[in-house]
Amino acid sequence: MSDAPDPTTGTGGTGEPGTGTPEPEPLRYRLLTGPDDRSFCERVSAALAEGYVLHGGPAATFDGTRVIVAQAVVLPDPVPTTGPVPVPRAQVLPA
């Protein structure tokens, strides 16, 4: 397995288990592209399962033979875990 990302599928670039190669930090933004088929839908579904969310709607074009689609996905901003979480104060409304 190559550690180089595959630009055609948006996959790859992960460390090989048991080799000591560290997992790279996930990309915050990915643009998945390919023919409009089950494989493309599976890749988008896999990205969603990894915590990505859709960014905008899909784009589609026709290359003369088949429909090519693109979908952007982003990782949401992590919730800060340093320091106490502020608790909103209850408002007292005048009677």
PDB file of N, CA and C in Angstrom:
ATOM      1  N   MET A   1       0.839  -1.179   0.000  1.00  0.00           N
ATOM      2  CA  MET A   1       0.000   0.000   0.000  1.00  0.00           C
ATOM      3  C   MET A   1       0.880   1.237   0.000  1.00  0.00           C
ATOM      4  N   SER A   2       0.599   2.171  -0.849  1.00  0.00           N
ATOM      5  CA  SER A   2       1.368   3.403  -0.948  1.00  0.00           C
ATOM      6  C   SER A   2       0.902   4.397   0.091  1.00  0.00           C
ATOM      7  N   ASP A   3       1.837   5.172   0.644  1.00  0.00           N
ATOM      8  CA  ASP A   3       1.482   6.236   1.569  1.00  0.00           C
ATOM      9  C   ASP A   3       1.089   7.503   0.837  1.00  0.00           C
ATOM     10  N   ALA A   4       1.249   7.524  -0.486  1.00  0.00           N
ATOM     11  CA  ALA A   4       0.908   8.721  -1.255  1.00  0.00           C
ATOM     12  C   ALA A   4      -0.591   8.769  -1.485  1.00  0.00           C
ATOM     13  N   PRO A   5      -1.205   9.953  -1.308  1.00  0.00           N
ATOM     14  CA  PRO A   5      -2.636  10.069  -1.585  1.00  0.00           C
ATOM     15  C   PRO A   5      -2.935   9.815  -3.053  1.00  0.00           C
ATOM     16  N   ASP A   6      -4.083   9.218  -3.316  1.00  0.00           N
ATOM     17  CA  ASP A   6      -4.530   8.964  -4.682  1.00  0.00           C
ATOM     18  C   ASP A   6      -5.416  10.127  -5.110  1.00  0.00           C
ATOM     19  N   PRO A   7      -4.956  10.995  -6.020  1.00  0.00           N
ATOM     20  CA  PRO A   7      -5.734  12.178  -6.390  1.00  0.00           C
ATOM     21  C   PRO A   7      -7.029  11.845  -7.119  1.00  0.00           C
ATOM     22  N   THR A   8      -7.152  10.643  -7.667  1.00  0.00           N
ATOM     23  CA  THR A   8      -8.376  10.308  -8.396  1.00  0.00           C
ATOM     24  C   THR A   8      -9.488   9.845  -7.486  1.00  0.00           C
ATOM     25  N   THR A   9      -9.137   9.348  -6.298  1.00  0.00           N
ATOM     26  CA  THR A   9     -10.171   8.839  -5.405  1.00  0.00           C
ATOM     27  C   THR A   9     -10.267   9.606  -4.101  1.00  0.00           C
ATOM     28  N   GLY A  10      -9.262  10.430  -3.802  1.00  0.00           N
ATOM     29  CA  GLY A  10      -9.276  11.142  -2.533  1.00  0.00           C
ATOM     30  C   GLY A  10      -8.943  10.232  -1.369  1.00  0.00           C
ATOM     31  N   THR A  11      -8.327   9.066  -1.660  1.00  0.00           N
ATOM     32  CA  THR A  11      -7.979   8.126  -0.603  1.00  0.00           C
ATOM     33  C   THR A  11      -6.477   7.954  -0.564  1.00  0.00           C
ATOM     34  N   GLY A  12      -6.035   7.201   0.409  1.00  0.00           N
ATOM     35  CA  GLY A  12      -4.613   6.919   0.539  1.00  0.00           C
ATOM     36  C   GLY A  12      -3.954   7.912   1.467  1.00  0.00           C
ATOM     37  N   GLY A  13      -2.655   7.801   1.577  1.00  0.00           N
ATOM     38  CA  GLY A  13      -1.914   8.698   2.433  1.00  0.00           C
ATOM     39  C   GLY A  13      -1.984   8.316   3.895  1.00  0.00           C
ATOM     40  N   THR A  14      -2.463   7.117   4.214  1.00  0.00           N
ATOM     41  CA  THR A  14      -2.537   6.709   5.606  1.00  0.00           C
ATOM     42  C   THR A  14      -1.338   5.852   5.942  1.00  0.00           C
ATOM     43  N   GLY A  15      -0.974   5.850   7.197  1.00  0.00           N
ATOM     44  CA  GLY A  15       0.136   5.026   7.639  1.00  0.00           C
ATOM     45  C   GLY A  15      -0.226   3.556   7.552  1.00  0.00           C
ATOM     46  N   GLU A  16       0.761   2.734   7.326  1.00  0.00           N
ATOM     47  CA  GLU A  16       0.561   1.291   7.234  1.00  0.00           C
ATOM     48  C   GLU A  16       0.571   0.718   8.650  1.00  0.00           C
ATOM     49  N   PRO A  17      -0.471  -0.058   9.038  1.00  0.00           N
ATOM     50  CA  PRO A  17      -0.501  -0.610  10.393  1.00  0.00           C
ATOM     51  C   PRO A  17       0.732  -1.449  10.681  1.00  0.00           C
ATOM     52  N   GLY A  18       1.280  -1.274  11.885  1.00  0.00           N
ATOM     53  CA  GLY A  18       2.415  -2.071  12.314  1.00  0.00           C
ATOM     54  C   GLY A  18       3.753  -1.641  11.762  1.00  0.00           C
ATOM     55  N   THR A  19       3.816  -0.560  10.984  1.00  0.00           N
ATOM     56  CA  THR A  19       5.091  -0.141  10.406  1.00  0.00           C
ATOM     57  C   THR A  19       5.710   1.019  11.162  1.00  0.00           C
ATOM     58  N   GLY A  20       4.973   1.583  12.122  1.00  0.00           N
ATOM     59  CA  GLY A  20       5.483   2.732  12.835  1.00  0.00           C
ATOM     60  C   GLY A  20       5.267   4.035  12.092  1.00  0.00           C
ATOM     61  N   THR A  21       4.656   3.962  10.910  1.00  0.00           N
ATOM     62  CA  THR A  21       4.359   5.173  10.155  1.00  0.00           C
ATOM     63  C   THR A  21       3.162   5.850  10.806  1.00  0.00           C
ATOM     64  N   PRO A  22       3.315   7.103  11.265  1.00  0.00           N
ATOM     65  CA  PRO A  22       2.177   7.757  11.932  1.00  0.00           C
ATOM     66  C   PRO A  22       1.070   8.092  10.948  1.00  0.00           C
ATOM     67  N   GLU A  23      -0.161   8.057  11.464  1.00  0.00           N
ATOM     68  CA  GLU A  23      -1.309   8.472  10.664  1.00  0.00           C
ATOM     69  C   GLU A  23      -1.209   9.976  10.457  1.00  0.00           C
ATOM     70  N   PRO A  24      -1.325  10.459   9.225  1.00  0.00           N
ATOM     71  CA  PRO A  24      -1.302  11.904   9.010  1.00  0.00           C
ATOM     72  C   PRO A  24      -2.589  12.528   9.548  1.00  0.00           C
ATOM     73  N   GLU A  25      -2.505  13.801   9.888  1.00  0.00           N
ATOM     74  CA  GLU A  25      -3.693  14.513  10.355  1.00  0.00           C
ATOM     75  C   GLU A  25      -4.693  14.594   9.207  1.00  0.00           C
ATOM     76  N   PRO A  26      -5.983  14.347   9.494  1.00  0.00           N
ATOM     77  CA  PRO A  26      -6.965  14.393   8.407  1.00  0.00           C
ATOM     78  C   PRO A  26      -7.064  15.788   7.802  1.00  0.00           C
ATOM     79  N   LEU A  27      -7.327  15.829   6.525  1.00  0.00           N
ATOM     80  CA  LEU A  27      -7.516  17.104   5.847  1.00  0.00           C
ATOM     81  C   LEU A  27      -8.824  17.727   6.316  1.00  0.00           C
ATOM     82  N   ARG A  28      -8.853  19.035   6.490  1.00  0.00           N
ATOM     83  CA  ARG A  28     -10.071  19.720   6.915  1.00  0.00           C
ATOM     84  C   ARG A  28     -11.061  19.841   5.752  1.00  0.00           C
ATOM     85  N   TYR A  29     -10.560  19.835   4.523  1.00  0.00           N
ATOM     86  CA  TYR A  29     -11.399  19.998   3.333  1.00  0.00           C
ATOM     87  C   TYR A  29     -11.005  18.946   2.313  1.00  0.00           C
ATOM     88  N   ARG A  30     -11.997  18.324   1.720  1.00  0.00           N
ATOM     89  CA  ARG A  30     -11.735  17.371   0.628  1.00  0.00           C
ATOM     90  C   ARG A  30     -12.774  17.600  -0.460  1.00  0.00           C
ATOM     91  N   LEU A  31     -12.356  17.460  -1.702  1.00  0.00           N
ATOM     92  CA  LEU A  31     -13.267  17.504  -2.837  1.00  0.00           C
ATOM     93  C   LEU A  31     -13.223  16.133  -3.483  1.00  0.00           C
ATOM     94  N   LEU A  32     -14.328  15.407  -3.350  1.00  0.00           N
ATOM     95  CA  LEU A  32     -14.419  14.071  -3.924  1.00  0.00           C
ATOM     96  C   LEU A  32     -15.012  14.195  -5.322  1.00  0.00           C
ATOM     97  N   THR A  33     -14.405  13.541  -6.291  1.00  0.00           N
ATOM     98  CA  THR A  33     -14.880  13.610  -7.675  1.00  0.00           C
ATOM     99  C   THR A  33     -14.870  12.220  -8.289  1.00  0.00           C
ATOM    100  N   GLY A  34     -15.678  12.057  -9.316  1.00  0.00           N
ATOM    101  CA  GLY A  34     -15.664  10.795 -10.039  1.00  0.00           C
ATOM    102  C   GLY A  34     -16.949  10.593 -10.802  1.00  0.00           C
ATOM    103  N   PRO A  35     -17.047   9.464 -11.516  1.00  0.00           N
ATOM    104  CA  PRO A  35     -18.278   9.144 -12.227  1.00  0.00           C
ATOM    105  C   PRO A  35     -19.433   8.999 -11.235  1.00  0.00           C
ATOM    106  N   ASP A  36     -20.624   9.363 -11.677  1.00  0.00           N
ATOM    107  CA  ASP A  36     -21.801   9.262 -10.825  1.00  0.00           C
ATOM    108  C   ASP A  36     -22.243   7.802 -10.767  1.00  0.00           C
ATOM    109  N   ASP A  37     -21.626   7.070  -9.833  1.00  0.00           N
ATOM    110  CA  ASP A  37     -21.930   5.656  -9.689  1.00  0.00           C
ATOM    111  C   ASP A  37     -21.896   5.264  -8.215  1.00  0.00           C
ATOM    112  N   ARG A  38     -22.116   4.017  -7.944  1.00  0.00           N
ATOM    113  CA  ARG A  38     -22.147   3.520  -6.565  1.00  0.00           C
ATOM    114  C   ARG A  38     -20.822   3.777  -5.848  1.00  0.00           C
ATOM    115  N   SER A  39     -19.709   3.598  -6.540  1.00  0.00           N
ATOM    116  CA  SER A  39     -18.395   3.802  -5.932  1.00  0.00           C
ATOM    117  C   SER A  39     -18.249   5.231  -5.400  1.00  0.00           C
ATOM    118  N   PHE A  40     -18.691   6.203  -6.181  1.00  0.00           N
ATOM    119  CA  PHE A  40     -18.621   7.592  -5.733  1.00  0.00           C
ATOM    120  C   PHE A  40     -19.467   7.781  -4.481  1.00  0.00           C
ATOM    121  N   CYS A  41     -20.687   7.256  -4.494  1.00  0.00           N
ATOM    122  CA  CYS A  41     -21.567   7.387  -3.335  1.00  0.00           C
ATOM    123  C   CYS A  41     -20.971   6.710  -2.107  1.00  0.00           C
ATOM    124  N   GLU A  42     -20.293   5.582  -2.297  1.00  0.00           N
ATOM    125  CA  GLU A  42     -19.641   4.894  -1.183  1.00  0.00           C
ATOM    126  C   GLU A  42     -18.512   5.743  -0.597  1.00  0.00           C
ATOM    127  N   ARG A  43     -17.769   6.449  -1.455  1.00  0.00           N
ATOM    128  CA  ARG A  43     -16.681   7.305  -0.956  1.00  0.00           C
ATOM    129  C   ARG A  43     -17.226   8.485  -0.173  1.00  0.00           C
ATOM    130  N   VAL A  44     -18.315   9.081  -0.639  1.00  0.00           N
ATOM    131  CA  VAL A  44     -18.936  10.177   0.109  1.00  0.00           C
ATOM    132  C   VAL A  44     -19.469   9.637   1.434  1.00  0.00           C
ATOM    133  N   SER A  45     -20.117   8.488   1.406  1.00  0.00           N
ATOM    134  CA  SER A  45     -20.637   7.876   2.635  1.00  0.00           C
ATOM    135  C   SER A  45     -19.514   7.573   3.624  1.00  0.00           C
ATOM    136  N   ALA A  46     -18.388   7.091   3.133  1.00  0.00           N
ATOM    137  CA  ALA A  46     -17.249   6.801   4.008  1.00  0.00           C
ATOM    138  C   ALA A  46     -16.720   8.080   4.650  1.00  0.00           C
ATOM    139  N   ALA A  47     -16.646   9.160   3.882  1.00  0.00           N
ATOM    140  CA  ALA A  47     -16.186  10.442   4.438  1.00  0.00           C
ATOM    141  C   ALA A  47     -17.148  10.911   5.528  1.00  0.00           C
ATOM    142  N   LEU A  48     -18.449  10.757   5.306  1.00  0.00           N
ATOM    143  CA  LEU A  48     -19.430  11.142   6.325  1.00  0.00           C
ATOM    144  C   LEU A  48     -19.252  10.297   7.582  1.00  0.00           C
ATOM    145  N   ALA A  49     -18.976   9.012   7.425  1.00  0.00           N
ATOM    146  CA  ALA A  49     -18.753   8.128   8.565  1.00  0.00           C
ATOM    147  C   ALA A  49     -17.492   8.514   9.340  1.00  0.00           C
ATOM    148  N   GLU A  50     -16.523   9.142   8.662  1.00  0.00           N
ATOM    149  CA  GLU A  50     -15.285   9.586   9.303  1.00  0.00           C
ATOM    150  C   GLU A  50     -15.465  10.917  10.031  1.00  0.00           C
ATOM    151  N   GLY A  51     -16.650  11.510   9.950  1.00  0.00           N
ATOM    152  CA  GLY A  51     -16.907  12.764  10.650  1.00  0.00           C
ATOM    153  C   GLY A  51     -16.986  13.982   9.761  1.00  0.00           C
ATOM    154  N   TYR A  52     -16.770  13.813   8.464  1.00  0.00           N
ATOM    155  CA  TYR A  52     -16.904  14.939   7.543  1.00  0.00           C
ATOM    156  C   TYR A  52     -18.380  15.287   7.387  1.00  0.00           C
ATOM    157  N   VAL A  53     -18.653  16.530   7.016  1.00  0.00           N
ATOM    158  CA  VAL A  53     -20.010  16.964   6.699  1.00  0.00           C
ATOM    159  C   VAL A  53     -19.989  17.551   5.291  1.00  0.00           C
ATOM    160  N   LEU A  54     -21.142  17.466   4.623  1.00  0.00           N
ATOM    161  CA  LEU A  54     -21.237  18.010   3.274  1.00  0.00           C
ATOM    162  C   LEU A  54     -21.039  19.514   3.315  1.00  0.00           C
ATOM    163  N   HIS A  55     -20.331  20.037   2.325  1.00  0.00           N
ATOM    164  CA  HIS A  55     -20.107  21.481   2.202  1.00  0.00           C
ATOM    165  C   HIS A  55     -20.705  21.911   0.871  1.00  0.00           C
ATOM    166  N   GLY A  56     -21.912  22.443   0.921  1.00  0.00           N
ATOM    167  CA  GLY A  56     -22.592  22.828  -0.301  1.00  0.00           C
ATOM    168  C   GLY A  56     -23.183  21.610  -0.987  1.00  0.00           C
ATOM    169  N   GLY A  57     -23.789  21.864  -2.117  1.00  0.00           N
ATOM    170  CA  GLY A  57     -24.413  20.787  -2.873  1.00  0.00           C
ATOM    171  C   GLY A  57     -23.438  20.159  -3.839  1.00  0.00           C
ATOM    172  N   PRO A  58     -23.821  19.037  -4.428  1.00  0.00           N
ATOM    173  CA  PRO A  58     -22.946  18.400  -5.411  1.00  0.00           C
ATOM    174  C   PRO A  58     -22.931  19.193  -6.708  1.00  0.00           C
ATOM    175  N   ALA A  59     -21.889  18.992  -7.479  1.00  0.00           N
ATOM    176  CA  ALA A  59     -21.779  19.568  -8.824  1.00  0.00           C
ATOM    177  C   ALA A  59     -21.729  18.405  -9.800  1.00  0.00           C
ATOM    178  N   ALA A  60     -22.282  18.607 -10.992  1.00  0.00           N
ATOM    179  CA  ALA A  60     -22.278  17.544 -11.991  1.00  0.00           C
ATOM    180  C   ALA A  60     -21.988  18.142 -13.366  1.00  0.00           C
ATOM    181  N   THR A  61     -21.326  17.363 -14.188  1.00  0.00           N
ATOM    182  CA  THR A  61     -21.065  17.744 -15.564  1.00  0.00           C
ATOM    183  C   THR A  61     -21.124  16.483 -16.414  1.00  0.00           C
ATOM    184  N   PHE A  62     -21.215  16.653 -17.699  1.00  0.00           N
ATOM    185  CA  PHE A  62     -21.248  15.525 -18.626  1.00  0.00           C
ATOM    186  C   PHE A  62     -20.011  15.608 -19.501  1.00  0.00           C
ATOM    187  N   ASP A  63     -19.226  14.548 -19.560  1.00  0.00           N
ATOM    188  CA  ASP A  63     -17.984  14.578 -20.345  1.00  0.00           C
ATOM    189  C   ASP A  63     -18.163  14.016 -21.761  1.00  0.00           C
ATOM    190  N   GLY A  64     -19.405  13.867 -22.194  1.00  0.00           N
ATOM    191  CA  GLY A  64     -19.664  13.320 -23.515  1.00  0.00           C
ATOM    192  C   GLY A  64     -19.994  11.844 -23.479  1.00  0.00           C
ATOM    193  N   THR A  65     -19.614  11.188 -22.393  1.00  0.00           N
ATOM    194  CA  THR A  65     -19.878   9.767 -22.237  1.00  0.00           C
ATOM    195  C   THR A  65     -20.641   9.465 -20.950  1.00  0.00           C
ATOM    196  N   ARG A  66     -20.253  10.140 -19.879  1.00  0.00           N
ATOM    197  CA  ARG A  66     -20.842   9.840 -18.577  1.00  0.00           C
ATOM    198  C   ARG A  66     -20.953  11.105 -17.734  1.00  0.00           C
ATOM    199  N   VAL A  67     -21.733  11.036 -16.676  1.00  0.00           N
ATOM    200  CA  VAL A  67     -21.886  12.145 -15.741  1.00  0.00           C
ATOM    201  C   VAL A  67     -20.757  12.050 -14.718  1.00  0.00           C
ATOM    202  N   ILE A  68     -20.055  13.174 -14.522  1.00  0.00           N
ATOM    203  CA  ILE A  68     -18.990  13.277 -13.524  1.00  0.00           C
ATOM    204  C   ILE A  68     -19.510  14.190 -12.418  1.00  0.00           C
ATOM    205  N   VAL A  69     -19.350  13.763 -11.169  1.00  0.00           N
ATOM    206  CA  VAL A  69     -19.864  14.529 -10.040  1.00  0.00           C
ATOM    207  C   VAL A  69     -18.733  14.914  -9.095  1.00  0.00           C
ATOM    208  N   ALA A  70     -19.016  15.937  -8.295  1.00  0.00           N
ATOM    209  CA  ALA A  70     -18.069  16.398  -7.282  1.00  0.00           C
ATOM    210  C   ALA A  70     -18.860  16.770  -6.040  1.00  0.00           C
ATOM    211  N   GLN A  71     -18.295  16.474  -4.887  1.00  0.00           N
ATOM    212  CA  GLN A  71     -18.909  16.856  -3.621  1.00  0.00           C
ATOM    213  C   GLN A  71     -17.802  17.265  -2.663  1.00  0.00           C
ATOM    214  N   ALA A  72     -17.921  18.477  -2.130  1.00  0.00           N
ATOM    215  CA  ALA A  72     -16.971  18.942  -1.121  1.00  0.00           C
ATOM    216  C   ALA A  72     -17.437  18.475   0.251  1.00  0.00           C
ATOM    217  N   VAL A  73     -16.478  18.074   1.083  1.00  0.00           N
ATOM    218  CA  VAL A  73     -16.751  17.699   2.468  1.00  0.00           C
ATOM    219  C   VAL A  73     -15.729  18.394   3.359  1.00  0.00           C
ATOM    220  N   VAL A  74     -16.148  18.759   4.559  1.00  0.00           N
ATOM    221  CA  VAL A  74     -15.255  19.426   5.511  1.00  0.00           C
ATOM    222  C   VAL A  74     -15.405  18.770   6.877  1.00  0.00           C
ATOM    223  N   LEU A  75     -14.337  18.851   7.659  1.00  0.00           N
ATOM    224  CA  LEU A  75     -14.411  18.433   9.057  1.00  0.00           C
ATOM    225  C   LEU A  75     -14.882  19.632   9.865  1.00  0.00           C
ATOM    226  N   PRO A  76     -15.901  19.460  10.710  1.00  0.00           N
ATOM    227  CA  PRO A  76     -16.350  20.581  11.519  1.00  0.00           C
ATOM    228  C   PRO A  76     -15.265  21.011  12.510  1.00  0.00           C
ATOM    229  N   ASP A  77     -15.324  22.273  12.934  1.00  0.00           N
ATOM    230  CA  ASP A  77     -14.376  22.756  13.936  1.00  0.00           C
ATOM    231  C   ASP A  77     -14.545  21.958  15.209  1.00  0.00           C
ATOM    232  N   PRO A  78     -13.436  21.514  15.799  1.00  0.00           N
ATOM    233  CA  PRO A  78     -13.548  20.776  17.053  1.00  0.00           C
ATOM    234  C   PRO A  78     -14.003  21.709  18.175  1.00  0.00           C
ATOM    235  N   VAL A  79     -14.707  21.146  19.123  1.00  0.00           N
ATOM    236  CA  VAL A  79     -15.139  21.911  20.283  1.00  0.00           C
ATOM    237  C   VAL A  79     -13.927  22.087  21.184  1.00  0.00           C
ATOM    238  N   PRO A  80     -13.618  23.330  21.591  1.00  0.00           N
ATOM    239  CA  PRO A  80     -12.453  23.529  22.466  1.00  0.00           C
ATOM    240  C   PRO A  80     -12.626  22.746  23.766  1.00  0.00           C
ATOM    241  N   THR A  81     -11.556  22.086  24.186  1.00  0.00           N
ATOM    242  CA  THR A  81     -11.623  21.299  25.410  1.00  0.00           C
ATOM    243  C   THR A  81     -10.731  21.866  26.504  1.00  0.00           C
ATOM    244  N   THR A  82     -10.127  23.025  26.270  1.00  0.00           N
ATOM    245  CA  THR A  82      -9.274  23.622  27.287  1.00  0.00           C
ATOM    246  C   THR A  82     -10.077  24.606  28.113  1.00  0.00           C
ATOM    247  N   GLY A  83      -9.916  24.514  29.397  1.00  0.00           N
ATOM    248  CA  GLY A  83     -10.596  25.443  30.302  1.00  0.00           C
ATOM    249  C   GLY A  83     -12.038  25.063  30.540  1.00  0.00           C
ATOM    250  N   PRO A  84     -12.626  25.719  31.512  1.00  0.00           N
ATOM    251  CA  PRO A  84     -14.020  25.409  31.840  1.00  0.00           C
ATOM    252  C   PRO A  84     -14.975  25.916  30.767  1.00  0.00           C
ATOM    253  N   VAL A  85     -16.071  25.230  30.635  1.00  0.00           N
ATOM    254  CA  VAL A  85     -17.096  25.628  29.683  1.00  0.00           C
ATOM    255  C   VAL A  85     -18.000  26.633  30.384  1.00  0.00           C
ATOM    256  N   PRO A  86     -18.168  27.832  29.792  1.00  0.00           N
ATOM    257  CA  PRO A  86     -19.012  28.819  30.464  1.00  0.00           C
ATOM    258  C   PRO A  86     -20.473  28.353  30.493  1.00  0.00           C
ATOM    259  N   VAL A  87     -21.093  28.570  31.652  1.00  0.00           N
ATOM    260  CA  VAL A  87     -22.500  28.215  31.814  1.00  0.00           C
ATOM    261  C   VAL A  87     -23.298  29.498  31.750  1.00  0.00           C
ATOM    262  N   PRO A  88     -24.288  29.567  30.848  1.00  0.00           N
ATOM    263  CA  PRO A  88     -25.069  30.800  30.753  1.00  0.00           C
ATOM    264  C   PRO A  88     -25.841  31.048  32.048  1.00  0.00           C
ATOM    265  N   ARG A  89     -25.910  32.310  32.420  1.00  0.00           N
ATOM    266  CA  ARG A  89     -26.661  32.688  33.618  1.00  0.00           C
ATOM    267  C   ARG A  89     -28.141  32.778  33.280  1.00  0.00           C
ATOM    268  N   ALA A  90     -28.938  32.399  34.240  1.00  0.00           N
ATOM    269  CA  ALA A  90     -30.378  32.516  34.052  1.00  0.00           C
ATOM    270  C   ALA A  90     -30.748  33.987  34.134  1.00  0.00           C
ATOM    271  N   GLN A  91     -31.635  34.406  33.258  1.00  0.00           N
ATOM    272  CA  GLN A  91     -32.095  35.789  33.290  1.00  0.00           C
ATOM    273  C   GLN A  91     -33.290  35.900  34.204  1.00  0.00           C
ATOM    274  N   VAL A  92     -33.281  36.925  35.031  1.00  0.00           N
ATOM    275  CA  VAL A  92     -34.427  37.194  35.878  1.00  0.00           C
ATOM    276  C   VAL A  92     -35.166  38.346  35.254  1.00  0.00           C
ATOM    277  N   LEU A  93     -36.376  38.078  34.837  1.00  0.00           N
ATOM    278  CA  LEU A  93     -37.181  39.103  34.191  1.00  0.00           C
ATOM    279  C   LEU A  93     -38.034  39.819  35.228  1.00  0.00           C
ATOM    280  N   PRO A  94     -38.157  41.148  35.114  1.00  0.00           N
ATOM    281  CA  PRO A  94     -39.004  41.862  36.078  1.00  0.00           C
ATOM    282  C   PRO A  94     -40.461  41.413  35.939  1.00  0.00           C
ATOM    283  N   ALA A  95     -41.132  41.384  37.096  1.00  0.00           N
ATOM    284  CA  ALA A  95     -42.530  40.936  37.106  1.00  0.00           C
ATOM    285  C   ALA A  95     -43.458  41.988  36.577  1.00  0.00           C
TER     286      ALA A  95
END
